[in-house]
Amino acid sequence: MRKFLKALVLVPLAVVILAFAIANRETVRFTLDPLGLFDGALTFSAPLFALAFAILIVGVVVGGVAAWLRQSRWRRAARIAENEVRNLRAENAQLRHRIELAEAAARSDAARLPLRPPAA
């Protein structure tokens, strides 16, 4: 079912992207120097669809980095919680071991106690 839903979304999306790329094959000039100070050194010519895809990819990367940076406190909190759980489990294991030793010592002490004969 998951593959079907994935195909249901991706196939029409691929058709739209392909149609966009075919319809926008004209070469356009893109400049990073709006004042013209570098005399065309920062001007590129590329098909419009390539430029649109490049801008989309840059936007996705910038958005991903922003989300990753925003979630840093949650990752730090999870790391601290994991360390605390690890320490508490180790302490729990030590306490269980001490209890087992104390119970074993109590059993051995009880076995050494002399039994009194029943009162007549």
N, C-alpha and C. Protein backbone atom coordinates (compact mmCIF):
# COMPACT_ATOMS: atom_id res chain seq x y z
N MET A 1 0.82 -1.18 0.00
CA MET A 1 0.00 0.00 0.00
C MET A 1 0.87 1.26 0.00
N ARG A 2 1.98 1.20 0.75
CA ARG A 2 2.87 2.35 0.82
C ARG A 2 3.51 2.65 -0.53
N LYS A 3 3.92 1.61 -1.25
CA LYS A 3 4.51 1.81 -2.57
C LYS A 3 3.50 2.40 -3.54
N PHE A 4 2.26 1.97 -3.42
CA PHE A 4 1.22 2.50 -4.30
C PHE A 4 1.01 3.99 -4.04
N LEU A 5 0.93 4.38 -2.78
CA LEU A 5 0.74 5.79 -2.45
C LEU A 5 1.95 6.63 -2.87
N LYS A 6 3.13 6.07 -2.72
CA LYS A 6 4.35 6.76 -3.14
C LYS A 6 4.32 6.98 -4.66
N ALA A 7 3.94 5.96 -5.40
CA ALA A 7 3.84 6.08 -6.85
C ALA A 7 2.73 7.05 -7.24
N LEU A 8 1.64 7.05 -6.48
CA LEU A 8 0.53 7.94 -6.76
C LEU A 8 0.94 9.40 -6.64
N VAL A 9 1.90 9.69 -5.78
CA VAL A 9 2.37 11.06 -5.62
C VAL A 9 3.53 11.36 -6.57
N LEU A 10 4.48 10.43 -6.69
CA LEU A 10 5.71 10.71 -7.44
C LEU A 10 5.52 10.71 -8.95
N VAL A 11 4.65 9.88 -9.47
CA VAL A 11 4.46 9.83 -10.93
C VAL A 11 3.88 11.15 -11.45
N PRO A 12 2.80 11.68 -10.89
CA PRO A 12 2.33 12.98 -11.38
C PRO A 12 3.35 14.10 -11.15
N LEU A 13 4.08 14.05 -10.04
CA LEU A 13 5.10 15.05 -9.79
C LEU A 13 6.20 14.99 -10.85
N ALA A 14 6.61 13.80 -11.21
CA ALA A 14 7.62 13.64 -12.26
C ALA A 14 7.11 14.15 -13.60
N VAL A 15 5.84 13.92 -13.90
CA VAL A 15 5.25 14.41 -15.15
C VAL A 15 5.25 15.94 -15.17
N VAL A 16 4.89 16.56 -14.05
CA VAL A 16 4.88 18.03 -13.97
C VAL A 16 6.28 18.59 -14.11
N ILE A 17 7.26 17.97 -13.45
CA ILE A 17 8.65 18.44 -13.56
C ILE A 17 9.16 18.29 -14.98
N LEU A 18 8.86 17.18 -15.62
CA LEU A 18 9.28 16.97 -17.01
C LEU A 18 8.62 17.98 -17.94
N ALA A 19 7.35 18.24 -17.74
CA ALA A 19 6.65 19.23 -18.57
C ALA A 19 7.26 20.62 -18.36
N PHE A 20 7.58 20.95 -17.12
CA PHE A 20 8.21 22.24 -16.84
C PHE A 20 9.56 22.35 -17.54
N ALA A 21 10.35 21.28 -17.48
CA ALA A 21 11.67 21.30 -18.11
C ALA A 21 11.56 21.43 -19.63
N ILE A 22 10.59 20.76 -20.24
CA ILE A 22 10.42 20.83 -21.70
C ILE A 22 9.92 22.21 -22.11
N ALA A 23 9.03 22.80 -21.33
CA ALA A 23 8.45 24.09 -21.69
C ALA A 23 9.40 25.25 -21.45
N ASN A 24 10.43 25.08 -20.64
CA ASN A 24 11.33 26.18 -20.29
C ASN A 24 12.77 25.86 -20.65
N ARG A 25 12.98 25.57 -21.93
CA ARG A 25 14.32 25.22 -22.39
C ARG A 25 15.13 26.42 -22.86
N GLU A 26 14.51 27.60 -22.92
CA GLU A 26 15.21 28.78 -23.42
C GLU A 26 16.35 29.16 -22.47
N THR A 27 17.42 29.65 -23.06
CA THR A 27 18.57 30.08 -22.26
C THR A 27 18.30 31.47 -21.72
N VAL A 28 18.58 31.65 -20.45
CA VAL A 28 18.41 32.95 -19.81
C VAL A 28 19.73 33.36 -19.18
N ARG A 29 19.90 34.68 -19.02
CA ARG A 29 21.11 35.19 -18.37
C ARG A 29 20.79 35.45 -16.91
N PHE A 30 21.66 34.98 -16.06
CA PHE A 30 21.51 35.14 -14.61
C PHE A 30 22.75 35.83 -14.10
N THR A 31 22.57 36.97 -13.43
CA THR A 31 23.72 37.71 -12.93
C THR A 31 23.66 37.85 -11.42
N LEU A 32 24.81 37.74 -10.81
CA LEU A 32 24.94 37.93 -9.37
C LEU A 32 25.47 39.32 -9.04
N ASP A 33 25.59 40.15 -10.05
CA ASP A 33 26.12 41.51 -9.89
C ASP A 33 25.09 42.50 -10.42
N PRO A 34 24.13 42.92 -9.59
CA PRO A 34 23.07 43.80 -10.08
C PRO A 34 23.57 45.20 -10.45
N LEU A 35 24.71 45.64 -9.94
CA LEU A 35 25.22 46.97 -10.26
C LEU A 35 26.13 46.98 -11.47
N GLY A 36 26.54 45.83 -11.97
CA GLY A 36 27.39 45.73 -13.14
C GLY A 36 28.81 46.17 -12.89
N LEU A 37 29.30 46.02 -11.71
CA LEU A 37 30.66 46.45 -11.36
C LEU A 37 31.74 45.52 -11.90
N PHE A 38 31.43 44.26 -12.10
CA PHE A 38 32.43 43.28 -12.52
C PHE A 38 32.38 42.97 -13.99
N ASP A 39 31.62 43.72 -14.75
CA ASP A 39 31.58 43.61 -16.22
C ASP A 39 31.29 42.19 -16.70
N GLY A 40 30.24 41.60 -16.19
CA GLY A 40 29.79 40.30 -16.67
C GLY A 40 30.54 39.11 -16.12
N ALA A 41 31.42 39.31 -15.15
CA ALA A 41 32.17 38.18 -14.58
C ALA A 41 31.27 37.28 -13.76
N LEU A 42 30.21 37.84 -13.23
CA LEU A 42 29.29 37.05 -12.40
C LEU A 42 27.97 36.81 -13.12
N THR A 43 28.02 36.67 -14.43
CA THR A 43 26.82 36.41 -15.23
C THR A 43 26.92 35.01 -15.82
N PHE A 44 25.83 34.27 -15.70
CA PHE A 44 25.78 32.91 -16.22
C PHE A 44 24.62 32.79 -17.20
N SER A 45 24.79 31.94 -18.18
CA SER A 45 23.70 31.62 -19.11
C SER A 45 23.38 30.14 -18.94
N ALA A 46 22.08 29.87 -18.75
CA ALA A 46 21.65 28.49 -18.54
C ALA A 46 20.18 28.39 -18.92
N PRO A 47 19.70 27.18 -19.22
CA PRO A 47 18.27 27.02 -19.46
C PRO A 47 17.48 27.38 -18.20
N LEU A 48 16.30 27.91 -18.39
CA LEU A 48 15.49 28.37 -17.27
C LEU A 48 15.17 27.23 -16.30
N PHE A 49 14.87 26.04 -16.84
CA PHE A 49 14.53 24.94 -15.93
C PHE A 49 15.72 24.54 -15.06
N ALA A 50 16.95 24.62 -15.61
CA ALA A 50 18.14 24.28 -14.82
C ALA A 50 18.32 25.29 -13.70
N LEU A 51 18.09 26.54 -14.01
CA LEU A 51 18.19 27.58 -13.00
C LEU A 51 17.12 27.39 -11.91
N ALA A 52 15.90 27.06 -12.31
CA ALA A 52 14.83 26.84 -11.34
C ALA A 52 15.13 25.63 -10.46
N PHE A 53 15.65 24.56 -11.04
CA PHE A 53 15.99 23.38 -10.24
C PHE A 53 17.14 23.69 -9.28
N ALA A 54 18.13 24.46 -9.74
CA ALA A 54 19.25 24.83 -8.88
C ALA A 54 18.76 25.66 -7.70
N ILE A 55 17.87 26.60 -7.95
CA ILE A 55 17.32 27.42 -6.86
C ILE A 55 16.52 26.55 -5.90
N LEU A 56 15.77 25.60 -6.43
CA LEU A 56 15.00 24.69 -5.58
C LEU A 56 15.92 23.86 -4.70
N ILE A 57 16.99 23.34 -5.26
CA ILE A 57 17.94 22.53 -4.50
C ILE A 57 18.60 23.36 -3.40
N VAL A 58 19.00 24.59 -3.74
CA VAL A 58 19.61 25.47 -2.73
C VAL A 58 18.62 25.76 -1.61
N GLY A 59 17.37 25.98 -1.96
CA GLY A 59 16.34 26.23 -0.95
C GLY A 59 16.13 25.05 -0.02
N VAL A 60 16.13 23.86 -0.58
CA VAL A 60 15.96 22.65 0.24
C VAL A 60 17.16 22.49 1.19
N VAL A 61 18.36 22.73 0.68
CA VAL A 61 19.55 22.59 1.53
C VAL A 61 19.54 23.64 2.65
N VAL A 62 19.24 24.89 2.31
CA VAL A 62 19.20 25.94 3.33
C VAL A 62 18.11 25.64 4.37
N GLY A 63 16.95 25.18 3.93
CA GLY A 63 15.89 24.83 4.86
C GLY A 63 16.28 23.67 5.76
N GLY A 64 16.96 22.67 5.20
CA GLY A 64 17.41 21.53 5.99
C GLY A 64 18.43 21.94 7.04
N VAL A 65 19.36 22.81 6.67
CA VAL A 65 20.36 23.29 7.62
C VAL A 65 19.68 24.09 8.72
N ALA A 66 18.73 24.95 8.36
CA ALA A 66 18.02 25.75 9.35
C ALA A 66 17.25 24.84 10.32
N ALA A 67 16.59 23.82 9.83
CA ALA A 67 15.85 22.90 10.70
C ALA A 67 16.81 22.13 11.60
N TRP A 68 17.95 21.71 11.05
CA TRP A 68 18.93 20.97 11.83
C TRP A 68 19.46 21.84 12.96
N LEU A 69 19.77 23.12 12.67
CA LEU A 69 20.26 24.02 13.70
C LEU A 69 19.19 24.31 14.75
N ARG A 70 17.93 24.43 14.34
CA ARG A 70 16.84 24.70 15.26
C ARG A 70 16.60 23.53 16.21
N GLN A 71 16.90 22.32 15.78
CA GLN A 71 16.65 21.14 16.60
C GLN A 71 17.84 20.75 17.47
N SER A 72 18.87 21.58 17.52
CA SER A 72 20.07 21.22 18.28
C SER A 72 19.78 21.06 19.76
N ARG A 73 18.89 21.89 20.33
CA ARG A 73 18.61 21.74 21.77
C ARG A 73 17.92 20.42 22.07
N TRP A 74 17.10 19.93 21.14
CA TRP A 74 16.42 18.64 21.37
C TRP A 74 17.41 17.50 21.28
N ARG A 75 18.35 17.60 20.36
CA ARG A 75 19.38 16.56 20.27
C ARG A 75 20.25 16.56 21.52
N ARG A 76 20.58 17.75 22.02
CA ARG A 76 21.38 17.84 23.25
C ARG A 76 20.60 17.26 24.43
N ALA A 77 19.31 17.57 24.54
CA ALA A 77 18.48 17.03 25.63
C ALA A 77 18.40 15.51 25.53
N ALA A 78 18.29 14.99 24.32
CA ALA A 78 18.23 13.53 24.15
C ALA A 78 19.56 12.89 24.54
N ARG A 79 20.66 13.54 24.19
CA ARG A 79 21.98 13.01 24.55
C ARG A 79 22.16 12.99 26.07
N ILE A 80 21.72 14.07 26.74
CA ILE A 80 21.82 14.13 28.20
C ILE A 80 20.94 13.05 28.83
N ALA A 81 19.73 12.88 28.31
CA ALA A 81 18.82 11.85 28.84
C ALA A 81 19.40 10.45 28.64
N GLU A 82 20.02 10.20 27.49
CA GLU A 82 20.64 8.90 27.24
C GLU A 82 21.76 8.63 28.24
N ASN A 83 22.58 9.64 28.51
CA ASN A 83 23.67 9.47 29.49
C ASN A 83 23.10 9.20 30.88
N GLU A 84 22.04 9.91 31.23
CA GLU A 84 21.42 9.70 32.54
C GLU A 84 20.83 8.30 32.66
N VAL A 85 20.18 7.84 31.60
CA VAL A 85 19.63 6.48 31.61
C VAL A 85 20.74 5.45 31.74
N ARG A 86 21.83 5.65 31.02
CA ARG A 86 22.96 4.73 31.10
C ARG A 86 23.52 4.68 32.52
N ASN A 87 23.68 5.86 33.16
CA ASN A 87 24.19 5.91 34.53
C ASN A 87 23.23 5.26 35.51
N LEU A 88 21.94 5.51 35.34
CA LEU A 88 20.96 4.92 36.24
C LEU A 88 20.88 3.40 36.09
N ARG A 89 21.02 2.91 34.88
CA ARG A 89 21.03 1.45 34.67
C ARG A 89 22.25 0.82 35.33
N ALA A 90 23.40 1.48 35.22
CA ALA A 90 24.61 0.95 35.86
C ALA A 90 24.44 0.95 37.38
N GLU A 91 23.88 2.04 37.91
CA GLU A 91 23.64 2.10 39.36
C GLU A 91 22.64 1.03 39.79
N ASN A 92 21.61 0.80 39.00
CA ASN A 92 20.62 -0.22 39.29
C ASN A 92 21.27 -1.60 39.31
N ALA A 93 22.14 -1.87 38.35
CA ALA A 93 22.83 -3.16 38.31
C ALA A 93 23.72 -3.35 39.54
N GLN A 94 24.41 -2.27 39.95
CA GLN A 94 25.25 -2.37 41.15
C GLN A 94 24.40 -2.64 42.39
N LEU A 95 23.27 -1.96 42.51
CA LEU A 95 22.41 -2.16 43.67
C LEU A 95 21.82 -3.57 43.69
N ARG A 96 21.44 -4.08 42.53
CA ARG A 96 20.93 -5.46 42.46
C ARG A 96 22.01 -6.45 42.89
N HIS A 97 23.24 -6.19 42.45
CA HIS A 97 24.35 -7.07 42.82
C HIS A 97 24.58 -7.03 44.33
N ARG A 98 24.52 -5.84 44.92
CA ARG A 98 24.69 -5.72 46.38
C ARG A 98 23.57 -6.45 47.13
N ILE A 99 22.35 -6.34 46.63
CA ILE A 99 21.22 -7.04 47.26
C ILE A 99 21.42 -8.54 47.19
N GLU A 100 21.86 -9.04 46.03
CA GLU A 100 22.11 -10.49 45.89
C GLU A 100 23.19 -10.95 46.85
N LEU A 101 24.26 -10.15 46.99
CA LEU A 101 25.33 -10.51 47.93
C LEU A 101 24.82 -10.50 49.37
N ALA A 102 24.00 -9.50 49.71
CA ALA A 102 23.47 -9.42 51.08
C ALA A 102 22.53 -10.60 51.35
N GLU A 103 21.71 -10.97 50.38
CA GLU A 103 20.80 -12.11 50.56
C GLU A 103 21.59 -13.41 50.68
N ALA A 104 22.63 -13.55 49.89
CA ALA A 104 23.46 -14.77 49.97
C ALA A 104 24.16 -14.84 51.32
N ALA A 105 24.64 -13.71 51.82
CA ALA A 105 25.29 -13.69 53.13
C ALA A 105 24.29 -14.01 54.23
N ALA A 106 23.08 -13.50 54.11
CA ALA A 106 22.05 -13.78 55.12
C ALA A 106 21.70 -15.27 55.12
N ARG A 107 21.61 -15.88 53.91
CA ARG A 107 21.30 -17.30 53.84
C ARG A 107 22.42 -18.14 54.45
N SER A 108 23.65 -17.77 54.18
CA SER A 108 24.76 -18.55 54.73
C SER A 108 24.85 -18.37 56.25
N ASP A 109 24.54 -17.17 56.74
CA ASP A 109 24.53 -16.97 58.20
C ASP A 109 23.40 -17.77 58.83
N ALA A 110 22.27 -17.83 58.18
CA ALA A 110 21.13 -18.59 58.72
C ALA A 110 21.44 -20.08 58.72
N ALA A 111 22.21 -20.54 57.77
CA ALA A 111 22.55 -21.96 57.70
C ALA A 111 23.53 -22.34 58.81
N ARG A 112 24.32 -21.39 59.27
CA ARG A 112 25.30 -21.66 60.32
C ARG A 112 24.71 -21.61 61.73
N LEU A 113 23.53 -21.07 61.87
CA LEU A 113 22.93 -20.99 63.19
C LEU A 113 22.58 -22.39 63.69
N PRO A 114 22.94 -22.67 64.91
CA PRO A 114 22.61 -24.02 65.44
C PRO A 114 21.11 -24.13 65.70
N LEU A 115 20.58 -25.27 65.42
CA LEU A 115 19.16 -25.53 65.66
C LEU A 115 19.00 -26.04 67.09
N ARG A 116 18.07 -25.50 67.82
CA ARG A 116 17.80 -25.97 69.19
C ARG A 116 16.84 -27.15 69.10
N PRO A 117 17.02 -28.05 69.98
CA PRO A 117 16.07 -29.15 69.99
C PRO A 117 14.72 -28.66 70.51
N PRO A 118 13.67 -29.30 70.10
CA PRO A 118 12.35 -28.86 70.55
C PRO A 118 12.22 -29.04 72.07
N ALA A 119 11.50 -28.15 72.66
CA ALA A 119 11.28 -28.20 74.11
C ALA A 119 10.42 -29.40 74.44
N ALA A 120 10.79 -30.08 75.54
CA ALA A 120 10.08 -31.29 75.89
C ALA A 120 8.94 -31.05 76.82
